[in-house]
């Protein structure tokens, strides 16, 4: 029954969480293992609230690290775009005042099939 309850909690967290992470599942697994040790040796397991607070802190730290990595990659992309734009602006050969004329395709005459 205890294992089923922990599995149910883990599936709900996975379903309703904004980001995917295995941290909650691992913490709940540790709680089940602590419960089994409690039956074997009598060592008291940690309380669920303490474990969930610890898991939330770890998930928040992981999300902050991911956000920082995304910010750095966006900055690099922006720098590349600026360099590319600057190179295009400095290159006078590519710029021309005359608009490019497109060739029109000739239409083939089709006989209607009825």
C-alpha atoms as a PDB file:
ATOM      1  CA  UNK A   1       0.000   0.000   0.000  1.00  0.00           C
ATOM      2  CA  UNK A   2       2.839   2.388   0.844  1.00  0.00           C
ATOM      3  CA  UNK A   3       4.537   1.681  -2.489  1.00  0.00           C
ATOM      4  CA  UNK A   4       1.285   2.250  -4.393  1.00  0.00           C
ATOM      5  CA  UNK A   5       0.798   5.605  -2.670  1.00  0.00           C
ATOM      6  CA  UNK A   6       4.323   6.727  -3.564  1.00  0.00           C
ATOM      7  CA  UNK A   7       3.823   5.638  -7.188  1.00  0.00           C
ATOM      8  CA  UNK A   8       0.572   7.585  -7.318  1.00  0.00           C
ATOM      9  CA  UNK A   9       2.268  10.717  -5.976  1.00  0.00           C
ATOM     10  CA  UNK A  10       5.128  10.350  -8.475  1.00  0.00           C
ATOM     11  CA  UNK A  11       2.756  10.000 -11.429  1.00  0.00           C
ATOM     12  CA  UNK A  12       0.775  13.069 -10.361  1.00  0.00           C
ATOM     13  CA  UNK A  13       3.930  15.141 -10.002  1.00  0.00           C
ATOM     14  CA  UNK A  14       5.087  14.018 -13.462  1.00  0.00           C
ATOM     15  CA  UNK A  15       1.692  14.800 -14.957  1.00  0.00           C
ATOM     16  CA  UNK A  16       1.204  18.266 -13.521  1.00  0.00           C
ATOM     17  CA  UNK A  17       4.801  19.536 -13.370  1.00  0.00           C
ATOM     18  CA  UNK A  18       5.844  22.335 -15.720  1.00  0.00           C
ATOM     19  CA  UNK A  19       9.194  20.716 -16.474  1.00  0.00           C
ATOM     20  CA  UNK A  20      10.182  17.089 -16.694  1.00  0.00           C
ATOM     21  CA  UNK A  21      12.503  15.859 -14.000  1.00  0.00           C
ATOM     22  CA  UNK A  22      13.242  12.561 -12.323  1.00  0.00           C
ATOM     23  CA  UNK A  23      14.178  14.158  -9.006  1.00  0.00           C
ATOM     24  CA  UNK A  24      10.774  13.652  -7.365  1.00  0.00           C
ATOM     25  CA  UNK A  25      10.666  10.023  -8.467  1.00  0.00           C
ATOM     26  CA  UNK A  26      14.139   9.367  -7.096  1.00  0.00           C
ATOM     27  CA  UNK A  27      13.292  10.991  -3.761  1.00  0.00           C
ATOM     28  CA  UNK A  28      10.111   8.941  -3.448  1.00  0.00           C
ATOM     29  CA  UNK A  29      12.089   5.795  -4.259  1.00  0.00           C
ATOM     30  CA  UNK A  30      14.530   6.693  -1.491  1.00  0.00           C
ATOM     31  CA  UNK A  31      11.587   7.041   0.893  1.00  0.00           C
ATOM     32  CA  UNK A  32      10.345   3.552   0.023  1.00  0.00           C
ATOM     33  CA  UNK A  33      13.838   2.150   0.614  1.00  0.00           C
ATOM     34  CA  UNK A  34      14.027   4.005   3.954  1.00  0.00           C
ATOM     35  CA  UNK A  35      10.672   2.508   4.921  1.00  0.00           C
ATOM     36  CA  UNK A  36      11.983  -0.987   4.205  1.00  0.00           C
ATOM     37  CA  UNK A  37      15.069  -0.254   6.346  1.00  0.00           C
ATOM     38  CA  UNK A  38      12.707   0.920   9.087  1.00  0.00           C
ATOM     39  CA  UNK A  39      11.022  -2.487   9.101  1.00  0.00           C
ATOM     40  CA  UNK A  40      14.388  -4.289   9.113  1.00  0.00           C
ATOM     41  CA  UNK A  41      16.397  -2.249  11.605  1.00  0.00           C
ATOM     42  CA  UNK A  42      14.070   0.337  13.132  1.00  0.00           C
ATOM     43  CA  UNK A  43      15.847   3.392  11.646  1.00  0.00           C
ATOM     44  CA  UNK A  44      13.304   6.193  11.342  1.00  0.00           C
ATOM     45  CA  UNK A  45      12.636   7.376   7.781  1.00  0.00           C
ATOM     46  CA  UNK A  46      12.577  11.057   6.870  1.00  0.00           C
ATOM     47  CA  UNK A  47       9.236  12.819   6.797  1.00  0.00           C
ATOM     48  CA  UNK A  48       7.574  13.290   3.431  1.00  0.00           C
ATOM     49  CA  UNK A  49       7.366  17.076   3.747  1.00  0.00           C
ATOM     50  CA  UNK A  50      11.123  17.364   4.316  1.00  0.00           C
ATOM     51  CA  UNK A  51      11.905  15.180   1.326  1.00  0.00           C
ATOM     52  CA  UNK A  52       9.523  17.096  -0.967  1.00  0.00           C
ATOM     53  CA  UNK A  53      11.023  20.462   0.079  1.00  0.00           C
ATOM     54  CA  UNK A  54      14.481  19.115  -0.713  1.00  0.00           C
ATOM     55  CA  UNK A  55      13.271  17.858  -4.108  1.00  0.00           C
ATOM     56  CA  UNK A  56      11.680  21.235  -4.905  1.00  0.00           C
ATOM     57  CA  UNK A  57      14.937  23.019  -4.108  1.00  0.00           C
ATOM     58  CA  UNK A  58      16.855  20.670  -6.388  1.00  0.00           C
ATOM     59  CA  UNK A  59      14.371  21.139  -9.240  1.00  0.00           C
ATOM     60  CA  UNK A  60      14.521  24.934  -8.837  1.00  0.00           C
ATOM     61  CA  UNK A  61      18.326  24.847  -8.914  1.00  0.00           C
ATOM     62  CA  UNK A  62      18.237  22.676 -12.026  1.00  0.00           C
ATOM     63  CA  UNK A  63      15.801  25.056 -13.764  1.00  0.00           C
ATOM     64  CA  UNK A  64      17.984  28.065 -12.875  1.00  0.00           C
ATOM     65  CA  UNK A  65      21.017  26.334 -14.367  1.00  0.00           C
ATOM     66  CA  UNK A  66      19.080  25.528 -17.553  1.00  0.00           C
ATOM     67  CA  UNK A  67      17.832  29.123 -17.823  1.00  0.00           C
ATOM     68  CA  UNK A  68      21.381  30.428 -17.475  1.00  0.00           C
ATOM     69  CA  UNK A  69      22.567  28.073 -20.217  1.00  0.00           C
ATOM     70  CA  UNK A  70      19.725  29.161 -22.508  1.00  0.00           C
ATOM     71  CA  UNK A  71      20.513  32.836 -21.874  1.00  0.00           C
ATOM     72  CA  UNK A  72      24.160  32.296 -22.798  1.00  0.00           C
ATOM     73  CA  UNK A  73      23.268  30.498 -26.024  1.00  0.00           C
ATOM     74  CA  UNK A  74      20.802  33.271 -26.957  1.00  0.00           C
ATOM     75  CA  UNK A  75      23.497  35.901 -26.400  1.00  0.00           C
ATOM     76  CA  UNK A  76      25.878  33.984 -28.669  1.00  0.00           C
ATOM     77  CA  UNK A  77      23.226  33.771 -31.390  1.00  0.00           C
ATOM     78  CA  UNK A  78      22.557  37.508 -31.139  1.00  0.00           C
ATOM     79  CA  UNK A  79      26.273  38.270 -31.478  1.00  0.00           C
ATOM     80  CA  UNK A  80      26.480  36.095 -34.587  1.00  0.00           C
ATOM     81  CA  UNK A  81      23.464  37.847 -36.094  1.00  0.00           C
ATOM     82  CA  UNK A  82      24.982  41.265 -35.390  1.00  0.00           C
ATOM     83  CA  UNK A  83      28.267  40.257 -36.995  1.00  0.00           C
ATOM     84  CA  UNK A  84      26.427  38.899 -40.029  1.00  0.00           C
ATOM     85  CA  UNK A  85      24.357  42.079 -40.384  1.00  0.00           C
ATOM     86  CA  UNK A  86      27.438  44.234 -40.037  1.00  0.00           C
ATOM     87  CA  UNK A  87      29.235  42.212 -42.695  1.00  0.00           C
ATOM     88  CA  UNK A  88      26.250  42.568 -45.043  1.00  0.00           C
ATOM     89  CA  UNK A  89      26.045  46.320 -44.419  1.00  0.00           C
ATOM     90  CA  UNK A  90      29.777  46.765 -45.074  1.00  0.00           C
ATOM     91  CA  UNK A  91      29.687  44.806 -48.345  1.00  0.00           C
ATOM     92  CA  UNK A  92      28.713  47.346 -51.090  1.00  0.00           C
ATOM     93  CA  UNK A  93      28.816  44.787 -53.925  1.00  0.00           C
ATOM     94  CA  UNK A  94      25.724  43.022 -52.709  1.00  0.00           C
ATOM     95  CA  UNK A  95      23.693  46.194 -52.586  1.00  0.00           C
ATOM     96  CA  UNK A  96      22.142  47.358 -55.819  1.00  0.00           C
ATOM     97  CA  UNK A  97      19.649  50.106 -56.493  1.00  0.00           C
ATOM     98  CA  UNK A  98      17.927  48.246 -59.321  1.00  0.00           C
ATOM     99  CA  UNK A  99      15.182  45.866 -58.310  1.00  0.00           C
ATOM    100  CA  UNK A 100      15.533  42.312 -59.499  1.00  0.00           C
ATOM    101  CA  UNK A 101      13.063  41.456 -62.234  1.00  0.00           C
ATOM    102  CA  UNK A 102      11.422  38.084 -62.118  1.00  0.00           C
ATOM    103  CA  UNK A 103      10.792  36.149 -65.277  1.00  0.00           C
ATOM    104  CA  UNK A 104       7.216  35.315 -65.938  1.00  0.00           C
ATOM    105  CA  UNK A 105       6.337  31.757 -66.773  1.00  0.00           C
ATOM    106  CA  UNK A 106       4.459  31.155 -69.948  1.00  0.00           C
ATOM    107  CA  UNK A 107       1.164  29.429 -69.517  1.00  0.00           C
ATOM    108  CA  UNK A 108       0.576  26.322 -71.513  1.00  0.00           C
ATOM    109  CA  UNK A 109      -2.703  26.075 -73.311  1.00  0.00           C
ATOM    110  CA  UNK A 110      -4.642  23.053 -72.107  1.00  0.00           C
ATOM    111  CA  UNK A 111      -7.555  21.484 -73.785  1.00  0.00           C
ATOM    112  CA  UNK A 112     -10.433  20.945 -71.457  1.00  0.00           C
ATOM    113  CA  UNK A 113     -11.468  17.358 -70.860  1.00  0.00           C
ATOM    114  CA  UNK A 114     -15.118  16.881 -70.181  1.00  0.00           C
END
